[in-house]
Amino acid sequence: MMMMFQQHMNNPQNQNAGGSAAFWEFCRMNPPEFIGEYVPVMAREWIQRMSGILESMECTEV
């Protein structure tokens, strides 16, 4: 997650506007970090938590 944040901020387009409001709202929701282990229960919990955050932000599916 931190790497994604740093990449986002290193993009010159994002520095001018201070980043998107949706991105900052997402960060404030304290999203869980996926550490890449193959443990189905942990992956499922991560997906559920991320889905909850995105639903609360009223994000639409792409």
PDB file of N, CA and C in Angstrom:
ATOM      1  N   MET A   1       0.836  -1.180   0.000  1.00  0.00           N
ATOM      2  CA  MET A   1       0.000   0.000   0.000  1.00  0.00           C
ATOM      3  C   MET A   1       0.883   1.247   0.000  1.00  0.00           C
ATOM      4  N   MET A   2       1.925   1.228   0.814  1.00  0.00           N
ATOM      5  CA  MET A   2       2.801   2.395   0.889  1.00  0.00           C
ATOM      6  C   MET A   2       3.480   2.642  -0.459  1.00  0.00           C
ATOM      7  N   MET A   3       3.851   1.563  -1.156  1.00  0.00           N
ATOM      8  CA  MET A   3       4.488   1.719  -2.456  1.00  0.00           C
ATOM      9  C   MET A   3       3.521   2.385  -3.438  1.00  0.00           C
ATOM     10  N   MET A   4       2.251   1.974  -3.393  1.00  0.00           N
ATOM     11  CA  MET A   4       1.252   2.572  -4.268  1.00  0.00           C
ATOM     12  C   MET A   4       1.102   4.062  -3.951  1.00  0.00           C
ATOM     13  N   PHE A   5       1.087   4.393  -2.676  1.00  0.00           N
ATOM     14  CA  PHE A   5       0.978   5.789  -2.254  1.00  0.00           C
ATOM     15  C   PHE A   5       2.166   6.603  -2.764  1.00  0.00           C
ATOM     16  N   GLN A   6       3.377   6.048  -2.606  1.00  0.00           N
ATOM     17  CA  GLN A   6       4.570   6.769  -3.041  1.00  0.00           C
ATOM     18  C   GLN A   6       4.579   6.962  -4.554  1.00  0.00           C
ATOM     19  N   GLN A   7       4.169   5.924  -5.299  1.00  0.00           N
ATOM     20  CA  GLN A   7       4.107   6.054  -6.746  1.00  0.00           C
ATOM     21  C   GLN A   7       3.086   7.116  -7.136  1.00  0.00           C
ATOM     22  N   HIS A   8       1.976   7.122  -6.428  1.00  0.00           N
ATOM     23  CA  HIS A   8       0.930   8.107  -6.702  1.00  0.00           C
ATOM     24  C   HIS A   8       1.466   9.524  -6.484  1.00  0.00           C
ATOM     25  N   MET A   9       2.184   9.730  -5.409  1.00  0.00           N
ATOM     26  CA  MET A   9       2.688  11.064  -5.092  1.00  0.00           C
ATOM     27  C   MET A   9       3.867  11.460  -5.974  1.00  0.00           C
ATOM     28  N   ASN A  10       4.602  10.482  -6.515  1.00  0.00           N
ATOM     29  CA  ASN A  10       5.722  10.801  -7.400  1.00  0.00           C
ATOM     30  C   ASN A  10       5.259  11.212  -8.789  1.00  0.00           C
ATOM     31  N   ASN A  11       4.011  10.982  -9.100  1.00  0.00           N
ATOM     32  CA  ASN A  11       3.451  11.385 -10.381  1.00  0.00           C
ATOM     33  C   ASN A  11       3.222  12.900 -10.339  1.00  0.00           C
ATOM     34  N   PRO A  12       3.879  13.666 -11.219  1.00  0.00           N
ATOM     35  CA  PRO A  12       3.745  15.137 -11.180  1.00  0.00           C
ATOM     36  C   PRO A  12       2.308  15.629 -11.281  1.00  0.00           C
ATOM     37  N   GLN A  13       1.447  14.912 -11.985  1.00  0.00           N
ATOM     38  CA  GLN A  13       0.056  15.334 -12.100  1.00  0.00           C
ATOM     39  C   GLN A  13      -0.629  15.328 -10.741  1.00  0.00           C
ATOM     40  N   ASN A  14      -0.262  14.421  -9.867  1.00  0.00           N
ATOM     41  CA  ASN A  14      -0.908  14.307  -8.570  1.00  0.00           C
ATOM     42  C   ASN A  14      -0.382  15.318  -7.563  1.00  0.00           C
ATOM     43  N   GLN A  15       0.826  15.825  -7.768  1.00  0.00           N
ATOM     44  CA  GLN A  15       1.382  16.776  -6.815  1.00  0.00           C
ATOM     45  C   GLN A  15       0.714  18.140  -6.948  1.00  0.00           C
ATOM     46  N   ASN A  16       0.340  18.513  -8.142  1.00  0.00           N
ATOM     47  CA  ASN A  16      -0.280  19.819  -8.340  1.00  0.00           C
ATOM     48  C   ASN A  16      -1.618  19.927  -7.630  1.00  0.00           C
ATOM     49  N   ALA A  17      -2.391  18.876  -7.692  1.00  0.00           N
ATOM     50  CA  ALA A  17      -3.724  18.903  -7.101  1.00  0.00           C
ATOM     51  C   ALA A  17      -3.724  18.349  -5.683  1.00  0.00           C
ATOM     52  N   GLY A  18      -2.572  17.919  -5.195  1.00  0.00           N
ATOM     53  CA  GLY A  18      -2.523  17.337  -3.860  1.00  0.00           C
ATOM     54  C   GLY A  18      -3.111  15.937  -3.821  1.00  0.00           C
ATOM     55  N   GLY A  19      -3.214  15.283  -4.956  1.00  0.00           N
ATOM     56  CA  GLY A  19      -3.799  13.949  -5.018  1.00  0.00           C
ATOM     57  C   GLY A  19      -5.308  14.054  -5.094  1.00  0.00           C
ATOM     58  N   SER A  20      -5.916  12.987  -5.496  1.00  0.00           N
ATOM     59  CA  SER A  20      -7.374  13.018  -5.617  1.00  0.00           C
ATOM     60  C   SER A  20      -8.023  12.863  -4.251  1.00  0.00           C
ATOM     61  N   ALA A  21      -9.183  13.450  -4.112  1.00  0.00           N
ATOM     62  CA  ALA A  21      -9.918  13.365  -2.845  1.00  0.00           C
ATOM     63  C   ALA A  21     -10.275  11.926  -2.528  1.00  0.00           C
ATOM     64  N   ALA A  22     -10.618  11.148  -3.551  1.00  0.00           N
ATOM     65  CA  ALA A  22     -10.982   9.744  -3.332  1.00  0.00           C
ATOM     66  C   ALA A  22      -9.788   8.954  -2.806  1.00  0.00           C
ATOM     67  N   PHE A  23      -8.605   9.239  -3.339  1.00  0.00           N
ATOM     68  CA  PHE A  23      -7.410   8.530  -2.873  1.00  0.00           C
ATOM     69  C   PHE A  23      -7.147   8.835  -1.406  1.00  0.00           C
ATOM     70  N   TRP A  24      -7.261  10.107  -1.029  1.00  0.00           N
ATOM     71  CA  TRP A  24      -7.011  10.480   0.364  1.00  0.00           C
ATOM     72  C   TRP A  24      -8.069   9.888   1.289  1.00  0.00           C
ATOM     73  N   GLU A  25      -9.305   9.845   0.819  1.00  0.00           N
ATOM     74  CA  GLU A  25     -10.363   9.225   1.621  1.00  0.00           C
ATOM     75  C   GLU A  25     -10.063   7.744   1.816  1.00  0.00           C
ATOM     76  N   PHE A  26      -9.602   7.084   0.747  1.00  0.00           N
ATOM     77  CA  PHE A  26      -9.234   5.670   0.824  1.00  0.00           C
ATOM     78  C   PHE A  26      -8.122   5.469   1.854  1.00  0.00           C
ATOM     79  N   CYS A  27      -7.118   6.320   1.839  1.00  0.00           N
ATOM     80  CA  CYS A  27      -6.009   6.210   2.799  1.00  0.00           C
ATOM     81  C   CYS A  27      -6.487   6.414   4.232  1.00  0.00           C
ATOM     82  N   ARG A  28      -7.430   7.328   4.438  1.00  0.00           N
ATOM     83  CA  ARG A  28      -7.955   7.574   5.783  1.00  0.00           C
ATOM     84  C   ARG A  28      -8.729   6.377   6.326  1.00  0.00           C
ATOM     85  N   MET A  29      -9.204   5.517   5.437  1.00  0.00           N
ATOM     86  CA  MET A  29      -9.959   4.336   5.859  1.00  0.00           C
ATOM     87  C   MET A  29      -9.034   3.241   6.396  1.00  0.00           C
ATOM     88  N   ASN A  30      -7.729   3.497   6.374  1.00  0.00           N
ATOM     89  CA  ASN A  30      -6.730   2.562   6.878  1.00  0.00           C
ATOM     90  C   ASN A  30      -6.880   1.177   6.238  1.00  0.00           C
ATOM     91  N   PRO A  31      -6.710   1.087   4.907  1.00  0.00           N
ATOM     92  CA  PRO A  31      -6.891  -0.193   4.227  1.00  0.00           C
ATOM     93  C   PRO A  31      -5.840  -1.207   4.665  1.00  0.00           C
ATOM     94  N   PRO A  32      -6.225  -2.478   4.712  1.00  0.00           N
ATOM     95  CA  PRO A  32      -5.270  -3.510   5.115  1.00  0.00           C
ATOM     96  C   PRO A  32      -4.228  -3.726   4.022  1.00  0.00           C
ATOM     97  N   GLU A  33      -3.033  -4.073   4.424  1.00  0.00           N
ATOM     98  CA  GLU A  33      -1.970  -4.350   3.469  1.00  0.00           C
ATOM     99  C   GLU A  33      -1.992  -5.834   3.131  1.00  0.00           C
ATOM    100  N   PHE A  34      -1.938  -6.153   1.857  1.00  0.00           N
ATOM    101  CA  PHE A  34      -1.872  -7.552   1.436  1.00  0.00           C
ATOM    102  C   PHE A  34      -0.409  -7.921   1.329  1.00  0.00           C
ATOM    103  N   ILE A  35       0.009  -8.901   2.123  1.00  0.00           N
ATOM    104  CA  ILE A  35       1.426  -9.244   2.177  1.00  0.00           C
ATOM    105  C   ILE A  35       1.805 -10.355   1.207  1.00  0.00           C
ATOM    106  N   GLY A  36       0.840 -10.853   0.435  1.00  0.00           N
ATOM    107  CA  GLY A  36       1.141 -11.787  -0.634  1.00  0.00           C
ATOM    108  C   GLY A  36       1.259 -13.242  -0.237  1.00  0.00           C
ATOM    109  N   GLU A  37       0.934 -13.578   0.987  1.00  0.00           N
ATOM    110  CA  GLU A  37       0.986 -14.980   1.385  1.00  0.00           C
ATOM    111  C   GLU A  37      -0.198 -15.717   0.800  1.00  0.00           C
ATOM    112  N   TYR A  38       0.032 -16.966   0.445  1.00  0.00           N
ATOM    113  CA  TYR A  38      -1.064 -17.765  -0.092  1.00  0.00           C
ATOM    114  C   TYR A  38      -1.715 -18.533   1.047  1.00  0.00           C
ATOM    115  N   VAL A  39      -2.562 -17.843   1.746  1.00  0.00           N
ATOM    116  CA  VAL A  39      -3.384 -18.441   2.796  1.00  0.00           C
ATOM    117  C   VAL A  39      -4.808 -18.021   2.455  1.00  0.00           C
ATOM    118  N   PRO A  40      -5.613 -18.949   1.921  1.00  0.00           N
ATOM    119  CA  PRO A  40      -6.950 -18.580   1.436  1.00  0.00           C
ATOM    120  C   PRO A  40      -7.795 -17.795   2.430  1.00  0.00           C
ATOM    121  N   VAL A  41      -7.739 -18.147   3.698  1.00  0.00           N
ATOM    122  CA  VAL A  41      -8.554 -17.446   4.692  1.00  0.00           C
ATOM    123  C   VAL A  41      -8.110 -15.990   4.806  1.00  0.00           C
ATOM    124  N   MET A  42      -6.809 -15.758   4.834  1.00  0.00           N
ATOM    125  CA  MET A  42      -6.300 -14.388   4.946  1.00  0.00           C
ATOM    126  C   MET A  42      -6.631 -13.579   3.694  1.00  0.00           C
ATOM    127  N   ALA A  43      -6.504 -14.202   2.532  1.00  0.00           N
ATOM    128  CA  ALA A  43      -6.825 -13.509   1.284  1.00  0.00           C
ATOM    129  C   ALA A  43      -8.305 -13.145   1.248  1.00  0.00           C
ATOM    130  N   ARG A  44      -9.157 -14.065   1.665  1.00  0.00           N
ATOM    131  CA  ARG A  44     -10.598 -13.810   1.679  1.00  0.00           C
ATOM    132  C   ARG A  44     -10.931 -12.663   2.627  1.00  0.00           C
ATOM    133  N   GLU A  45     -10.306 -12.647   3.810  1.00  0.00           N
ATOM    134  CA  GLU A  45     -10.539 -11.565   4.774  1.00  0.00           C
ATOM    135  C   GLU A  45     -10.081 -10.224   4.205  1.00  0.00           C
ATOM    136  N   TRP A  46      -8.938 -10.236   3.503  1.00  0.00           N
ATOM    137  CA  TRP A  46      -8.428  -9.006   2.899  1.00  0.00           C
ATOM    138  C   TRP A  46      -9.421  -8.487   1.865  1.00  0.00           C
ATOM    139  N   ILE A  47      -9.918  -9.390   1.025  1.00  0.00           N
ATOM    140  CA  ILE A  47     -10.891  -9.000  -0.002  1.00  0.00           C
ATOM    141  C   ILE A  47     -12.146  -8.434   0.642  1.00  0.00           C
ATOM    142  N   GLN A  48     -12.625  -9.068   1.693  1.00  0.00           N
ATOM    143  CA  GLN A  48     -13.834  -8.592   2.369  1.00  0.00           C
ATOM    144  C   GLN A  48     -13.627  -7.203   2.967  1.00  0.00           C
ATOM    145  N   ARG A  49     -12.477  -6.984   3.605  1.00  0.00           N
ATOM    146  CA  ARG A  49     -12.208  -5.671   4.196  1.00  0.00           C
ATOM    147  C   ARG A  49     -12.085  -4.595   3.122  1.00  0.00           C
ATOM    148  N   MET A  50     -11.373  -4.918   2.025  1.00  0.00           N
ATOM    149  CA  MET A  50     -11.233  -3.955   0.937  1.00  0.00           C
ATOM    150  C   MET A  50     -12.591  -3.667   0.300  1.00  0.00           C
ATOM    151  N   SER A  51     -13.399  -4.690   0.123  1.00  0.00           N
ATOM    152  CA  SER A  51     -14.737  -4.497  -0.452  1.00  0.00           C
ATOM    153  C   SER A  51     -15.570  -3.581   0.431  1.00  0.00           C
ATOM    154  N   GLY A  52     -15.469  -3.777   1.739  1.00  0.00           N
ATOM    155  CA  GLY A  52     -16.204  -2.925   2.672  1.00  0.00           C
ATOM    156  C   GLY A  52     -15.782  -1.469   2.567  1.00  0.00           C
ATOM    157  N   ILE A  53     -14.488  -1.241   2.461  1.00  0.00           N
ATOM    158  CA  ILE A  53     -13.979   0.128   2.327  1.00  0.00           C
ATOM    159  C   ILE A  53     -14.485   0.754   1.033  1.00  0.00           C
ATOM    160  N   LEU A  54     -14.367   0.021  -0.060  1.00  0.00           N
ATOM    161  CA  LEU A  54     -14.784   0.560  -1.355  1.00  0.00           C
ATOM    162  C   LEU A  54     -16.287   0.792  -1.410  1.00  0.00           C
ATOM    163  N   GLU A  55     -17.061  -0.087  -0.788  1.00  0.00           N
ATOM    164  CA  GLU A  55     -18.513   0.111  -0.741  1.00  0.00           C
ATOM    165  C   GLU A  55     -18.866   1.344   0.084  1.00  0.00           C
ATOM    166  N   SER A  56     -18.175   1.532   1.206  1.00  0.00           N
ATOM    167  CA  SER A  56     -18.472   2.700   2.045  1.00  0.00           C
ATOM    168  C   SER A  56     -18.109   4.003   1.340  1.00  0.00           C
ATOM    169  N   MET A  57     -17.158   3.924   0.412  1.00  0.00           N
ATOM    170  CA  MET A  57     -16.778   5.093  -0.383  1.00  0.00           C
ATOM    171  C   MET A  57     -17.686   5.249  -1.601  1.00  0.00           C
ATOM    172  N   GLU A  58     -18.611   4.320  -1.760  1.00  0.00           N
ATOM    173  CA  GLU A  58     -19.546   4.303  -2.887  1.00  0.00           C
ATOM    174  C   GLU A  58     -18.825   4.239  -4.229  1.00  0.00           C
ATOM    175  N   CYS A  59     -17.765   3.408  -4.282  1.00  0.00           N
ATOM    176  CA  CYS A  59     -17.044   3.188  -5.535  1.00  0.00           C
ATOM    177  C   CYS A  59     -17.841   2.221  -6.403  1.00  0.00           C
ATOM    178  N   THR A  60     -17.800   2.453  -7.695  1.00  0.00           N
ATOM    179  CA  THR A  60     -18.482   1.553  -8.617  1.00  0.00           C
ATOM    180  C   THR A  60     -17.488   0.546  -9.168  1.00  0.00           C
ATOM    181  N   GLU A  61     -17.998  -0.612  -9.561  1.00  0.00           N
ATOM    182  CA  GLU A  61     -17.132  -1.625 -10.158  1.00  0.00           C
ATOM    183  C   GLU A  61     -16.797  -1.223 -11.578  1.00  0.00           C
ATOM    184  N   VAL A  62     -15.610  -1.578 -12.003  1.00  0.00           N
ATOM    185  CA  VAL A  62     -15.169  -1.246 -13.361  1.00  0.00           C
ATOM    186  C   VAL A  62     -15.328  -2.458 -14.233  1.00  0.00           C
TER     187      VAL A  62
END
